[in-house]
């Protein structure tokens, strides 16, 4: 009787271990965009980001000087998706005037 209980317990432990391995192994592949560029135009108070190859999501992230506290804020454009083989990649744009601040830098947020 004792051997059946021990064998059953070992089988249960093995099943739990196998289930954990299957869950970990089933995670989706990470997407990666590449050849990304961010720019800003201080005169127009606009920033944009674009990724020319790869696939995945990205957005523009900008530092912005504000007349109110806190005196420097971070603003973001919308997330956009680039798909594999896409001829014209999408731009993520943000307008500093919308946040009552002046854009001083831009970078790509992946």
C-alpha atoms as a PDB file:
ATOM      1  CA  UNK A   1       0.000   0.000   0.000  1.00  0.00           C
ATOM      2  CA  UNK A   2       2.821   2.364   0.840  1.00  0.00           C
ATOM      3  CA  UNK A   3       4.509   1.874  -2.556  1.00  0.00           C
ATOM      4  CA  UNK A   4       1.358   2.888  -4.443  1.00  0.00           C
ATOM      5  CA  UNK A   5       1.113   6.105  -2.460  1.00  0.00           C
ATOM      6  CA  UNK A   6       4.785   6.925  -3.056  1.00  0.00           C
ATOM      7  CA  UNK A   7       4.500   6.165  -6.792  1.00  0.00           C
ATOM      8  CA  UNK A   8       1.369   8.273  -7.038  1.00  0.00           C
ATOM      9  CA  UNK A   9       3.083  11.181  -5.299  1.00  0.00           C
ATOM     10  CA  UNK A  10       6.102  10.923  -7.614  1.00  0.00           C
ATOM     11  CA  UNK A  11       3.826  10.886 -10.669  1.00  0.00           C
ATOM     12  CA  UNK A  12       1.980  13.958  -9.397  1.00  0.00           C
ATOM     13  CA  UNK A  13       5.246  15.853  -8.814  1.00  0.00           C
ATOM     14  CA  UNK A  14       6.458  14.891 -12.301  1.00  0.00           C
ATOM     15  CA  UNK A  15       3.167  16.060 -13.849  1.00  0.00           C
ATOM     16  CA  UNK A  16       3.395  19.440 -12.087  1.00  0.00           C
ATOM     17  CA  UNK A  17       7.000  19.854 -13.240  1.00  0.00           C
ATOM     18  CA  UNK A  18       6.074  18.985 -16.822  1.00  0.00           C
ATOM     19  CA  UNK A  19       3.132  21.399 -16.747  1.00  0.00           C
ATOM     20  CA  UNK A  20       5.401  24.220 -15.560  1.00  0.00           C
ATOM     21  CA  UNK A  21       7.863  23.496 -18.379  1.00  0.00           C
ATOM     22  CA  UNK A  22       5.079  23.541 -20.951  1.00  0.00           C
ATOM     23  CA  UNK A  23       3.747  26.889 -19.706  1.00  0.00           C
ATOM     24  CA  UNK A  24       7.209  28.473 -19.746  1.00  0.00           C
ATOM     25  CA  UNK A  25       8.006  26.997 -23.169  1.00  0.00           C
ATOM     26  CA  UNK A  26       4.754  28.330 -24.648  1.00  0.00           C
ATOM     27  CA  UNK A  27       5.608  32.014 -24.304  1.00  0.00           C
ATOM     28  CA  UNK A  28       5.437  34.007 -27.569  1.00  0.00           C
ATOM     29  CA  UNK A  29       8.576  35.109 -29.373  1.00  0.00           C
ATOM     30  CA  UNK A  30       9.741  38.637 -28.678  1.00  0.00           C
ATOM     31  CA  UNK A  31       9.233  41.024 -31.571  1.00  0.00           C
ATOM     32  CA  UNK A  32      12.029  43.419 -32.384  1.00  0.00           C
ATOM     33  CA  UNK A  33      11.985  46.570 -34.446  1.00  0.00           C
ATOM     34  CA  UNK A  34      15.249  47.826 -35.880  1.00  0.00           C
ATOM     35  CA  UNK A  35      16.754  50.834 -37.645  1.00  0.00           C
ATOM     36  CA  UNK A  36      14.758  53.230 -35.446  1.00  0.00           C
ATOM     37  CA  UNK A  37      15.115  56.998 -35.571  1.00  0.00           C
ATOM     38  CA  UNK A  38      13.581  59.779 -33.495  1.00  0.00           C
ATOM     39  CA  UNK A  39      13.651  63.464 -34.319  1.00  0.00           C
ATOM     40  CA  UNK A  40      12.088  66.707 -33.187  1.00  0.00           C
ATOM     41  CA  UNK A  41      11.477  70.084 -34.737  1.00  0.00           C
ATOM     42  CA  UNK A  42      11.711  72.833 -32.124  1.00  0.00           C
ATOM     43  CA  UNK A  43      10.201  75.406 -34.461  1.00  0.00           C
ATOM     44  CA  UNK A  44       7.026  73.361 -34.999  1.00  0.00           C
ATOM     45  CA  UNK A  45       7.218  71.804 -31.512  1.00  0.00           C
ATOM     46  CA  UNK A  46       6.719  68.292 -32.898  1.00  0.00           C
ATOM     47  CA  UNK A  47       8.560  64.999 -32.317  1.00  0.00           C
ATOM     48  CA  UNK A  48       8.341  61.730 -34.224  1.00  0.00           C
ATOM     49  CA  UNK A  49       9.754  58.225 -34.273  1.00  0.00           C
ATOM     50  CA  UNK A  50       9.916  55.586 -37.000  1.00  0.00           C
ATOM     51  CA  UNK A  51      11.461  52.116 -37.278  1.00  0.00           C
ATOM     52  CA  UNK A  52      12.381  51.035 -40.802  1.00  0.00           C
ATOM     53  CA  UNK A  53      12.887  47.294 -40.317  1.00  0.00           C
ATOM     54  CA  UNK A  54      11.869  44.402 -38.115  1.00  0.00           C
ATOM     55  CA  UNK A  55       8.440  44.199 -36.559  1.00  0.00           C
ATOM     56  CA  UNK A  56       6.770  45.148 -33.299  1.00  0.00           C
ATOM     57  CA  UNK A  57       5.422  48.156 -31.401  1.00  0.00           C
ATOM     58  CA  UNK A  58       7.148  51.475 -30.709  1.00  0.00           C
ATOM     59  CA  UNK A  59       6.353  55.113 -29.919  1.00  0.00           C
ATOM     60  CA  UNK A  60       8.079  58.472 -29.603  1.00  0.00           C
ATOM     61  CA  UNK A  61       9.168  59.618 -26.128  1.00  0.00           C
ATOM     62  CA  UNK A  62      10.044  63.308 -25.692  1.00  0.00           C
ATOM     63  CA  UNK A  63      11.397  65.569 -22.987  1.00  0.00           C
ATOM     64  CA  UNK A  64       9.502  68.802 -22.842  1.00  0.00           C
ATOM     65  CA  UNK A  65      10.172  72.075 -20.984  1.00  0.00           C
ATOM     66  CA  UNK A  66       7.070  73.284 -19.209  1.00  0.00           C
ATOM     67  CA  UNK A  67       6.264  76.662 -17.636  1.00  0.00           C
ATOM     68  CA  UNK A  68       4.525  74.810 -14.773  1.00  0.00           C
ATOM     69  CA  UNK A  69       5.848  72.473 -12.082  1.00  0.00           C
ATOM     70  CA  UNK A  70       7.372  70.015 -12.791  1.00  0.00           C
ATOM     71  CA  UNK A  71       9.374  72.183 -15.175  1.00  0.00           C
ATOM     72  CA  UNK A  72      10.388  69.292 -17.411  1.00  0.00           C
ATOM     73  CA  UNK A  73       7.957  66.543 -18.327  1.00  0.00           C
ATOM     74  CA  UNK A  74       8.046  63.443 -20.508  1.00  0.00           C
ATOM     75  CA  UNK A  75       5.389  63.131 -23.181  1.00  0.00           C
ATOM     76  CA  UNK A  76       4.634  60.159 -25.418  1.00  0.00           C
ATOM     77  CA  UNK A  77       3.164  59.621 -28.850  1.00  0.00           C
ATOM     78  CA  UNK A  78       0.779  56.757 -29.564  1.00  0.00           C
ATOM     79  CA  UNK A  79       2.010  53.185 -29.894  1.00  0.00           C
ATOM     80  CA  UNK A  80       2.272  52.121 -33.537  1.00  0.00           C
ATOM     81  CA  UNK A  81       2.954  48.664 -34.985  1.00  0.00           C
ATOM     82  CA  UNK A  82       5.361  47.798 -37.731  1.00  0.00           C
ATOM     83  CA  UNK A  83       4.635  44.520 -39.490  1.00  0.00           C
ATOM     84  CA  UNK A  84       7.171  42.279 -41.201  1.00  0.00           C
ATOM     85  CA  UNK A  85       7.575  43.233 -44.867  1.00  0.00           C
ATOM     86  CA  UNK A  86       5.677  46.513 -44.475  1.00  0.00           C
ATOM     87  CA  UNK A  87       6.707  48.944 -47.260  1.00  0.00           C
ATOM     88  CA  UNK A  88       5.885  52.201 -45.452  1.00  0.00           C
ATOM     89  CA  UNK A  89       6.465  52.081 -41.693  1.00  0.00           C
ATOM     90  CA  UNK A  90       4.135  54.119 -39.469  1.00  0.00           C
ATOM     91  CA  UNK A  91       5.263  57.226 -37.577  1.00  0.00           C
ATOM     92  CA  UNK A  92       4.487  57.926 -33.942  1.00  0.00           C
ATOM     93  CA  UNK A  93       4.060  61.695 -33.455  1.00  0.00           C
ATOM     94  CA  UNK A  94       3.586  63.983 -30.469  1.00  0.00           C
ATOM     95  CA  UNK A  95       2.823  67.713 -30.366  1.00  0.00           C
ATOM     96  CA  UNK A  96       4.307  69.730 -27.476  1.00  0.00           C
ATOM     97  CA  UNK A  97       1.662  72.454 -27.860  1.00  0.00           C
ATOM     98  CA  UNK A  98      -0.968  69.935 -26.795  1.00  0.00           C
ATOM     99  CA  UNK A  99       0.847  69.627 -23.435  1.00  0.00           C
ATOM    100  CA  UNK A 100       1.703  73.336 -23.096  1.00  0.00           C
ATOM    101  CA  UNK A 101       5.436  72.636 -23.260  1.00  0.00           C
ATOM    102  CA  UNK A 102       8.414  72.976 -25.611  1.00  0.00           C
ATOM    103  CA  UNK A 103      10.011  69.751 -26.913  1.00  0.00           C
ATOM    104  CA  UNK A 104      13.786  69.618 -26.326  1.00  0.00           C
ATOM    105  CA  UNK A 105      14.603  65.975 -27.188  1.00  0.00           C
ATOM    106  CA  UNK A 106      13.120  62.833 -28.690  1.00  0.00           C
ATOM    107  CA  UNK A 107      13.857  59.129 -28.594  1.00  0.00           C
ATOM    108  CA  UNK A 108      12.235  55.843 -29.586  1.00  0.00           C
ATOM    109  CA  UNK A 109      10.421  53.925 -26.844  1.00  0.00           C
ATOM    110  CA  UNK A 110      10.203  50.180 -27.591  1.00  0.00           C
END
